[in-house]
Amino acid sequence: MPMTLPRPARLVFALGLLVLLSSCALPWQQARGPQALPDAQQIFHPFISGAKNGDLDSLDPALIQFSGDYQVAQLIFPPLVTVDDHNQVAPWAADAWSASADGLTWTLHIRPGMKWSDGVPIDA
């Protein structure tokens, strides 16, 4: 004799199955990845809260004290190096670097073709 569930249990089971199936995507509904917005819509809105409410103390990288200011300055002043997916130092604005024999002096070589925002080549 087959086992039958009471009506409330069947209802709970059916609703649970419905929720489970509604969260599954059909093959033709698979996402194709994030699409980049046009350049005109590439706008950075920093999340800055607290007493400053978006007022920047300084854009000078040497004087930055708060993380919100650093986020904005990073968009203006590219870092010489960055960290890759494996937490290894990787080139960004500098394409090569070397250390002196005593390790106290580092020389970074700027990537060719770098320009200031007004189009003047960086010749450092």
N, C-alpha and C. Protein backbone atom coordinates (compact mmCIF):
# COMPACT_ATOMS: atom_id res chain seq x y z
N MET A 1 0.84 -1.16 0.00
CA MET A 1 0.00 0.00 0.00
C MET A 1 0.90 1.25 0.00
N PRO A 2 0.73 2.18 -0.97
CA PRO A 2 1.57 3.37 -1.04
C PRO A 2 1.32 4.30 0.14
N MET A 3 2.41 4.97 0.54
CA MET A 3 2.31 5.89 1.67
C MET A 3 1.85 7.26 1.15
N THR A 4 0.87 7.83 1.75
CA THR A 4 0.40 9.15 1.37
C THR A 4 0.66 10.13 2.50
N LEU A 5 1.04 11.31 2.09
CA LEU A 5 1.31 12.36 3.08
C LEU A 5 0.03 13.11 3.38
N PRO A 6 -0.12 13.62 4.60
CA PRO A 6 -1.29 14.44 4.90
C PRO A 6 -1.27 15.71 4.05
N ARG A 7 -2.38 16.29 3.85
CA ARG A 7 -2.52 17.45 2.97
C ARG A 7 -1.56 18.59 3.33
N PRO A 8 -1.39 19.01 4.60
CA PRO A 8 -0.44 20.09 4.92
C PRO A 8 0.99 19.72 4.54
N ALA A 9 1.39 18.47 4.74
CA ALA A 9 2.75 18.06 4.40
C ALA A 9 2.96 18.10 2.89
N ARG A 10 1.93 17.70 2.11
CA ARG A 10 2.03 17.77 0.65
C ARG A 10 2.16 19.21 0.19
N LEU A 11 1.46 20.11 0.83
CA LEU A 11 1.52 21.52 0.48
C LEU A 11 2.92 22.07 0.76
N VAL A 12 3.49 21.76 1.92
CA VAL A 12 4.84 22.23 2.27
C VAL A 12 5.85 21.66 1.29
N PHE A 13 5.71 20.38 0.95
CA PHE A 13 6.62 19.75 -0.01
C PHE A 13 6.51 20.42 -1.37
N ALA A 14 5.30 20.69 -1.84
CA ALA A 14 5.10 21.31 -3.15
C ALA A 14 5.68 22.72 -3.18
N LEU A 15 5.47 23.48 -2.11
CA LEU A 15 6.03 24.85 -2.05
C LEU A 15 7.55 24.82 -2.02
N GLY A 16 8.12 23.90 -1.26
CA GLY A 16 9.58 23.78 -1.22
C GLY A 16 10.15 23.42 -2.58
N LEU A 17 9.49 22.49 -3.28
CA LEU A 17 9.93 22.10 -4.61
C LEU A 17 9.81 23.27 -5.58
N LEU A 18 8.75 24.06 -5.47
CA LEU A 18 8.56 25.23 -6.31
C LEU A 18 9.67 26.26 -6.09
N VAL A 19 10.00 26.52 -4.84
CA VAL A 19 11.08 27.47 -4.53
C VAL A 19 12.40 26.97 -5.08
N LEU A 20 12.69 25.70 -4.91
CA LEU A 20 13.94 25.12 -5.41
C LEU A 20 14.04 25.23 -6.92
N LEU A 21 12.98 24.89 -7.62
CA LEU A 21 13.01 24.93 -9.08
C LEU A 21 13.02 26.35 -9.62
N SER A 22 12.42 27.30 -8.91
CA SER A 22 12.40 28.68 -9.40
C SER A 22 13.77 29.33 -9.32
N SER A 23 14.65 28.79 -8.49
CA SER A 23 15.99 29.37 -8.39
C SER A 23 16.95 28.79 -9.43
N CYS A 24 16.51 27.80 -10.17
CA CYS A 24 17.36 27.19 -11.20
C CYS A 24 17.13 27.91 -12.52
N ALA A 25 18.21 28.19 -13.23
CA ALA A 25 18.11 28.85 -14.54
C ALA A 25 18.03 27.80 -15.63
N LEU A 26 17.23 28.09 -16.60
CA LEU A 26 17.15 27.21 -17.76
C LEU A 26 18.37 27.46 -18.65
N PRO A 27 18.77 26.49 -19.48
CA PRO A 27 19.99 26.65 -20.28
C PRO A 27 20.01 27.91 -21.12
N TRP A 28 18.90 28.31 -21.69
CA TRP A 28 18.87 29.51 -22.53
C TRP A 28 18.80 30.79 -21.72
N GLN A 29 18.69 30.68 -20.39
CA GLN A 29 18.66 31.86 -19.54
C GLN A 29 19.99 32.11 -18.84
N GLN A 30 21.04 31.38 -19.21
CA GLN A 30 22.34 31.54 -18.57
C GLN A 30 22.88 32.94 -18.83
N ALA A 31 23.45 33.54 -17.82
CA ALA A 31 24.03 34.88 -17.96
C ALA A 31 25.27 34.82 -18.84
N ARG A 32 25.47 35.85 -19.60
CA ARG A 32 26.63 35.92 -20.47
C ARG A 32 27.74 36.75 -19.86
N GLY A 33 27.66 37.04 -18.60
CA GLY A 33 28.68 37.83 -17.93
C GLY A 33 28.29 39.30 -17.93
N PRO A 34 28.96 40.09 -17.09
CA PRO A 34 28.63 41.52 -17.01
C PRO A 34 29.02 42.24 -18.30
N GLN A 35 28.16 43.12 -18.72
CA GLN A 35 28.42 43.92 -19.91
C GLN A 35 28.94 45.29 -19.47
N ALA A 36 30.00 45.75 -20.11
CA ALA A 36 30.57 47.06 -19.78
C ALA A 36 29.64 48.17 -20.24
N LEU A 37 29.53 49.19 -19.43
CA LEU A 37 28.74 50.36 -19.80
C LEU A 37 29.53 51.21 -20.79
N PRO A 38 28.86 52.04 -21.58
CA PRO A 38 29.57 52.95 -22.47
C PRO A 38 30.44 53.92 -21.67
N ASP A 39 31.47 54.47 -22.31
CA ASP A 39 32.39 55.39 -21.62
C ASP A 39 31.66 56.54 -20.93
N ALA A 40 30.59 57.03 -21.54
CA ALA A 40 29.86 58.16 -20.96
C ALA A 40 29.21 57.80 -19.63
N GLN A 41 29.03 56.51 -19.36
CA GLN A 41 28.40 56.08 -18.12
C GLN A 41 29.39 55.48 -17.14
N GLN A 42 30.67 55.57 -17.41
CA GLN A 42 31.71 55.06 -16.51
C GLN A 42 31.97 56.12 -15.45
N ILE A 43 31.19 56.11 -14.41
CA ILE A 43 31.27 57.12 -13.36
C ILE A 43 31.59 56.43 -12.04
N PHE A 44 32.53 56.97 -11.30
CA PHE A 44 32.92 56.42 -10.01
C PHE A 44 32.17 57.17 -8.91
N HIS A 45 31.42 56.44 -8.11
CA HIS A 45 30.71 57.01 -6.97
C HIS A 45 31.29 56.39 -5.71
N PRO A 46 32.23 57.08 -5.06
CA PRO A 46 32.82 56.48 -3.86
C PRO A 46 31.83 56.45 -2.71
N PHE A 47 31.94 55.38 -1.92
CA PHE A 47 31.11 55.29 -0.72
C PHE A 47 31.90 55.95 0.40
N ILE A 48 31.54 57.17 0.71
CA ILE A 48 32.22 57.90 1.77
C ILE A 48 31.16 58.36 2.76
N SER A 49 31.30 57.94 4.00
CA SER A 49 30.33 58.34 5.01
C SER A 49 31.07 58.90 6.21
N GLY A 50 30.33 59.41 7.11
CA GLY A 50 30.93 59.94 8.32
C GLY A 50 30.98 61.45 8.29
N ALA A 51 31.86 62.01 9.12
CA ALA A 51 31.93 63.46 9.28
C ALA A 51 32.36 64.17 8.00
N LYS A 52 33.18 63.51 7.19
CA LYS A 52 33.69 64.16 5.98
C LYS A 52 32.64 64.25 4.88
N ASN A 53 31.77 63.26 4.76
CA ASN A 53 30.70 63.23 3.75
C ASN A 53 31.20 63.56 2.35
N GLY A 54 32.31 62.98 1.96
CA GLY A 54 32.79 63.13 0.60
C GLY A 54 33.76 64.26 0.38
N ASP A 55 34.01 65.08 1.39
CA ASP A 55 35.00 66.14 1.24
C ASP A 55 36.39 65.53 1.31
N LEU A 56 37.20 65.77 0.28
CA LEU A 56 38.54 65.22 0.23
C LEU A 56 39.51 66.14 0.93
N ASP A 57 40.37 65.57 1.76
CA ASP A 57 41.39 66.37 2.43
C ASP A 57 42.49 66.75 1.45
N SER A 58 42.86 65.81 0.60
CA SER A 58 43.95 66.05 -0.34
C SER A 58 43.92 65.00 -1.43
N LEU A 59 44.35 65.38 -2.63
CA LEU A 59 44.55 64.42 -3.70
C LEU A 59 46.04 64.13 -3.89
N ASP A 60 46.88 64.77 -3.09
CA ASP A 60 48.30 64.50 -3.13
C ASP A 60 48.54 63.13 -2.50
N PRO A 61 49.05 62.16 -3.29
CA PRO A 61 49.23 60.81 -2.74
C PRO A 61 50.10 60.76 -1.48
N ALA A 62 51.00 61.71 -1.33
CA ALA A 62 51.87 61.71 -0.16
C ALA A 62 51.15 62.21 1.10
N LEU A 63 50.01 62.88 0.93
CA LEU A 63 49.31 63.46 2.07
C LEU A 63 47.99 62.77 2.41
N ILE A 64 47.64 61.75 1.67
CA ILE A 64 46.36 61.07 1.90
C ILE A 64 46.37 60.34 3.23
N GLN A 65 45.28 60.54 4.00
CA GLN A 65 45.16 59.89 5.30
C GLN A 65 43.95 58.97 5.40
N PHE A 66 42.98 59.12 4.52
CA PHE A 66 41.73 58.37 4.63
C PHE A 66 41.52 57.50 3.40
N SER A 67 40.89 56.34 3.60
CA SER A 67 40.73 55.39 2.51
C SER A 67 39.87 55.93 1.38
N GLY A 68 38.88 56.74 1.68
CA GLY A 68 38.04 57.32 0.63
C GLY A 68 38.85 58.21 -0.30
N ASP A 69 39.75 59.01 0.29
CA ASP A 69 40.62 59.86 -0.52
C ASP A 69 41.55 59.00 -1.38
N TYR A 70 42.02 57.90 -0.81
CA TYR A 70 42.92 57.01 -1.54
C TYR A 70 42.23 56.40 -2.75
N GLN A 71 40.95 56.01 -2.60
CA GLN A 71 40.21 55.44 -3.72
C GLN A 71 40.11 56.42 -4.87
N VAL A 72 39.85 57.68 -4.56
CA VAL A 72 39.74 58.70 -5.60
C VAL A 72 41.11 58.97 -6.22
N ALA A 73 42.13 59.12 -5.40
CA ALA A 73 43.48 59.40 -5.92
C ALA A 73 44.00 58.26 -6.78
N GLN A 74 43.60 57.04 -6.49
CA GLN A 74 44.05 55.90 -7.29
C GLN A 74 43.53 55.98 -8.71
N LEU A 75 42.38 56.62 -8.90
CA LEU A 75 41.86 56.80 -10.25
C LEU A 75 42.63 57.86 -11.01
N ILE A 76 43.25 58.78 -10.29
CA ILE A 76 43.99 59.87 -10.93
C ILE A 76 45.46 59.51 -11.10
N PHE A 77 46.04 58.92 -10.08
CA PHE A 77 47.46 58.57 -10.08
C PHE A 77 47.59 57.05 -10.10
N PRO A 78 47.96 56.47 -11.24
CA PRO A 78 48.07 55.01 -11.28
C PRO A 78 49.23 54.53 -10.42
N PRO A 79 49.08 53.38 -9.78
CA PRO A 79 50.19 52.84 -8.99
C PRO A 79 51.29 52.32 -9.91
N LEU A 80 52.51 52.34 -9.42
CA LEU A 80 53.62 51.81 -10.21
C LEU A 80 53.54 50.30 -10.33
N VAL A 81 53.13 49.64 -9.26
CA VAL A 81 52.95 48.19 -9.27
C VAL A 81 51.62 47.87 -8.62
N THR A 82 51.15 46.66 -8.82
CA THR A 82 49.90 46.21 -8.23
C THR A 82 50.11 44.80 -7.72
N VAL A 83 49.07 44.17 -7.25
CA VAL A 83 49.14 42.80 -6.78
C VAL A 83 48.23 41.96 -7.67
N ASP A 84 48.73 40.83 -8.17
CA ASP A 84 47.94 39.98 -9.06
C ASP A 84 47.04 39.03 -8.26
N ASP A 85 46.38 38.12 -8.95
CA ASP A 85 45.45 37.20 -8.30
C ASP A 85 46.12 36.24 -7.33
N HIS A 86 47.43 36.09 -7.44
CA HIS A 86 48.17 35.18 -6.55
C HIS A 86 48.95 35.96 -5.48
N ASN A 87 48.57 37.23 -5.26
CA ASN A 87 49.22 38.12 -4.28
C ASN A 87 50.70 38.30 -4.54
N GLN A 88 51.06 38.34 -5.80
CA GLN A 88 52.44 38.61 -6.20
C GLN A 88 52.50 40.01 -6.79
N VAL A 89 53.61 40.70 -6.57
CA VAL A 89 53.78 42.03 -7.13
C VAL A 89 53.81 41.91 -8.66
N ALA A 90 53.02 42.75 -9.32
CA ALA A 90 52.91 42.71 -10.77
C ALA A 90 53.06 44.13 -11.32
N PRO A 91 53.60 44.29 -12.51
CA PRO A 91 53.77 45.64 -13.08
C PRO A 91 52.44 46.29 -13.41
N TRP A 92 52.43 47.60 -13.31
CA TRP A 92 51.27 48.36 -13.76
C TRP A 92 51.79 49.57 -14.53
N ALA A 93 52.08 50.68 -13.87
CA ALA A 93 52.65 51.82 -14.59
C ALA A 93 54.15 51.65 -14.78
N ALA A 94 54.78 50.86 -13.95
CA ALA A 94 56.20 50.52 -14.12
C ALA A 94 56.26 49.13 -14.75
N ASP A 95 57.10 48.99 -15.78
CA ASP A 95 57.18 47.67 -16.40
C ASP A 95 58.37 46.85 -15.90
N ALA A 96 59.26 47.48 -15.16
CA ALA A 96 60.41 46.75 -14.60
C ALA A 96 60.94 47.53 -13.40
N TRP A 97 61.61 46.82 -12.51
CA TRP A 97 62.23 47.46 -11.35
C TRP A 97 63.42 46.62 -10.92
N SER A 98 64.32 47.31 -10.22
CA SER A 98 65.52 46.62 -9.72
C SER A 98 65.94 47.27 -8.41
N ALA A 99 66.65 46.50 -7.60
CA ALA A 99 67.12 46.98 -6.30
C ALA A 99 68.64 47.10 -6.33
N SER A 100 69.15 48.04 -5.55
CA SER A 100 70.60 48.17 -5.42
C SER A 100 71.14 46.98 -4.63
N ALA A 101 72.45 46.84 -4.61
CA ALA A 101 73.07 45.70 -3.93
C ALA A 101 72.71 45.67 -2.44
N ASP A 102 72.59 46.85 -1.82
CA ASP A 102 72.25 46.87 -0.39
C ASP A 102 70.74 46.83 -0.14
N GLY A 103 69.93 46.88 -1.20
CA GLY A 103 68.48 46.81 -1.07
C GLY A 103 67.82 48.08 -0.59
N LEU A 104 68.58 49.17 -0.50
CA LEU A 104 68.03 50.42 0.01
C LEU A 104 67.50 51.33 -1.09
N THR A 105 67.95 51.14 -2.32
CA THR A 105 67.53 51.98 -3.43
C THR A 105 66.85 51.13 -4.49
N TRP A 106 65.67 51.51 -4.85
CA TRP A 106 64.92 50.81 -5.89
C TRP A 106 64.78 51.71 -7.10
N THR A 107 64.95 51.17 -8.28
CA THR A 107 64.78 51.91 -9.53
C THR A 107 63.62 51.28 -10.28
N LEU A 108 62.61 52.10 -10.58
CA LEU A 108 61.45 51.63 -11.33
C LEU A 108 61.47 52.27 -12.71
N HIS A 109 61.21 51.48 -13.73
CA HIS A 109 61.21 51.96 -15.11
C HIS A 109 59.76 52.09 -15.57
N ILE A 110 59.38 53.32 -15.93
CA ILE A 110 58.00 53.60 -16.34
C ILE A 110 57.72 52.90 -17.67
N ARG A 111 56.53 52.34 -17.78
CA ARG A 111 56.10 51.66 -19.00
C ARG A 111 56.10 52.65 -20.16
N PRO A 112 56.63 52.26 -21.32
CA PRO A 112 56.64 53.17 -22.48
C PRO A 112 55.21 53.53 -22.91
N GLY A 113 55.05 54.74 -23.36
CA GLY A 113 53.75 55.19 -23.86
C GLY A 113 52.85 55.81 -22.81
N MET A 114 53.30 55.91 -21.57
CA MET A 114 52.48 56.52 -20.53
C MET A 114 52.39 58.03 -20.78
N LYS A 115 51.19 58.60 -20.55
CA LYS A 115 50.98 60.03 -20.77
C LYS A 115 50.23 60.61 -19.59
N TRP A 116 50.43 61.91 -19.37
CA TRP A 116 49.65 62.64 -18.39
C TRP A 116 48.25 62.83 -18.94
N SER A 117 47.32 63.29 -18.13
CA SER A 117 45.93 63.45 -18.56
C SER A 117 45.78 64.44 -19.70
N ASP A 118 46.75 65.36 -19.86
CA ASP A 118 46.67 66.32 -20.97
C ASP A 118 47.37 65.81 -22.23
N GLY A 119 47.85 64.55 -22.21
CA GLY A 119 48.46 63.94 -23.38
C GLY A 119 49.97 64.10 -23.47
N VAL A 120 50.57 64.82 -22.53
CA VAL A 120 52.04 64.99 -22.53
C VAL A 120 52.68 63.68 -22.08
N PRO A 121 53.65 63.18 -22.83
CA PRO A 121 54.30 61.92 -22.44
C PRO A 121 55.03 62.04 -21.10
N ILE A 122 54.99 60.97 -20.32
CA ILE A 122 55.73 60.92 -19.07
C ILE A 122 57.13 60.48 -19.42
N ASP A 123 58.11 61.29 -19.05
CA ASP A 123 59.50 60.98 -19.42
C ASP A 123 60.38 60.74 -18.20
N ALA A 124 59.79 60.26 -17.13
CA ALA A 124 60.55 60.01 -15.92
C ALA A 124 61.52 58.87 -16.13
